[in-house]
Amino acid sequence: MTALPRDAVPAVRLSSFYLFYYAALGAFTPYWSLFLTSRGMSVTAISVMMGIWYATRIVAPTTWTSLAAASPRPIFWLRLGCVLTLLTFCAFLLPLPQPWLYPAMIAFCFFYNAVMPQFESITLTHLGSDSHRYGLIRVWGSLGFIAVVMLFGWIIEGDGGAGNAHLLPWLMLPLFGLLTASGFANHYARNLQRSDGDASGFWAIVRKPQVLAFFLAAFMEQLSFGPYYTFFSVYMDHHGYATSTLGVLWTVGVVFEVGVFFTIGRFFRRYDASWMLLIALLSSTVRWAVTALFPENLPVMLLAQTAHALGFAAFFAAAMQMLATYFPGRLNGHGQGLLYGFSSGVGGVLGALIAGQLWPIDQGRTAFLAGSGFALAGALLCFFAISLPLLRARTR
């Protein structure tokens, strides 16, 4: 992709989409289960409902990015996805019987998960060869996430407990309205050519050894996060941490994530993104091992949580850099769909399932050690299949 003039990048419009998307996610991830509880759902039913989130990630990104790549007006699909996200979410404002909440959840999660991979492609078409600036745009998503987690937590808690959890859909609705408005304000870069969208060569690119290794490494990283996303709060509670301390532990990682997004562009201007991918995988290897072995030590756990800045933010930024290199033009949409569907989707579902099976052995220690092993496998794959061949090629 050729670089666009620096002033041609609509940074404010691009940043606004990340801001509202991840602000809504900052309400959904920690508090949606509380809302479902307020609707009288059992723990088992809630686990099924939350599992739908990951399950739709398997099919939604690939489906939507493929439709966009094949369309003469790909931006139509982003805007349609945003509108349908807003409309399907409105179902939770209604007093639906519990059985009807499942199809509502499937529809909402499908469209909500569908739009971000396409928008990542839109951002990269604007940045072109200046893709190292991605972090300065994506960071607004992290800032929105932090702001909503803190504000909505205070509102939902009210006078104690989670007595206002039933208000969550009404609190989230304006965020989806703003997300839809941002979707209509954004567009692809003007120099994107129709021929760039020909998907005939997509699978030929995917079959290249370094590209296959990239997707497998991303899959292993997401697999390693299974115990964390599913049971971290339960794990910390089991070791005697107060609810307020849990909030601090969750927030610390995202705060450091912001710092990474602001500064990581400097790294990408000097080094290949595969080295940052390797660093991120190794940091996750250490993080999950420490979490397994020293859960009672608060200073150590706080330090481990700062590794989220590498294991998530740096990993994600490096993945975007590599996708921009492997899949130029509209092919980037296909690459985004495969990354989200295979890594976040399949990896997320399997990570949660494996963590659930290992959890009863010793209340989480084995599950986190397994996560460390998955991340290490991804690091070895990244080093021997991507970074080392690249280093050898450059030293010849």
Foldseek 3Di string as FASTA:
>chain_A
DDADPPVQQPLVLLLLLLLLLLLLVLLCQPQVLVLVVVLVDDPVLSVVLVLLLLQLLQPQLLVLLLVLLPDPASLVSLLVLLVQLLVLLCVLVDNDDPVVVNVSSNSNSSSSSHNVLVSLQQNCQNRPVVLLLVLVRNLSNLVSSLVNNVVVVPVQQDPHDRNNSNCSSVVSSVSSVSSSVSSVVGGHDPPFDSVLSPCPCLVVLCPPQLNVLLLLLLQLLLLLCQCVSQCVVVLLVVLPDDPVLVVVLQSLQSVLLSVCSVPVSVVVVPDQLLVLLLVLLLLLLVLLLQCLPPSNDSVSSSVSSVSSSSVPNSNVSSSSRVLCVSRPHSSSSNVSSSSSNNRSRVSNSNSNVVQVVPCVPDNRNVSSNVSSVSSVVSSVSSVPRPVVVVVVVVVD
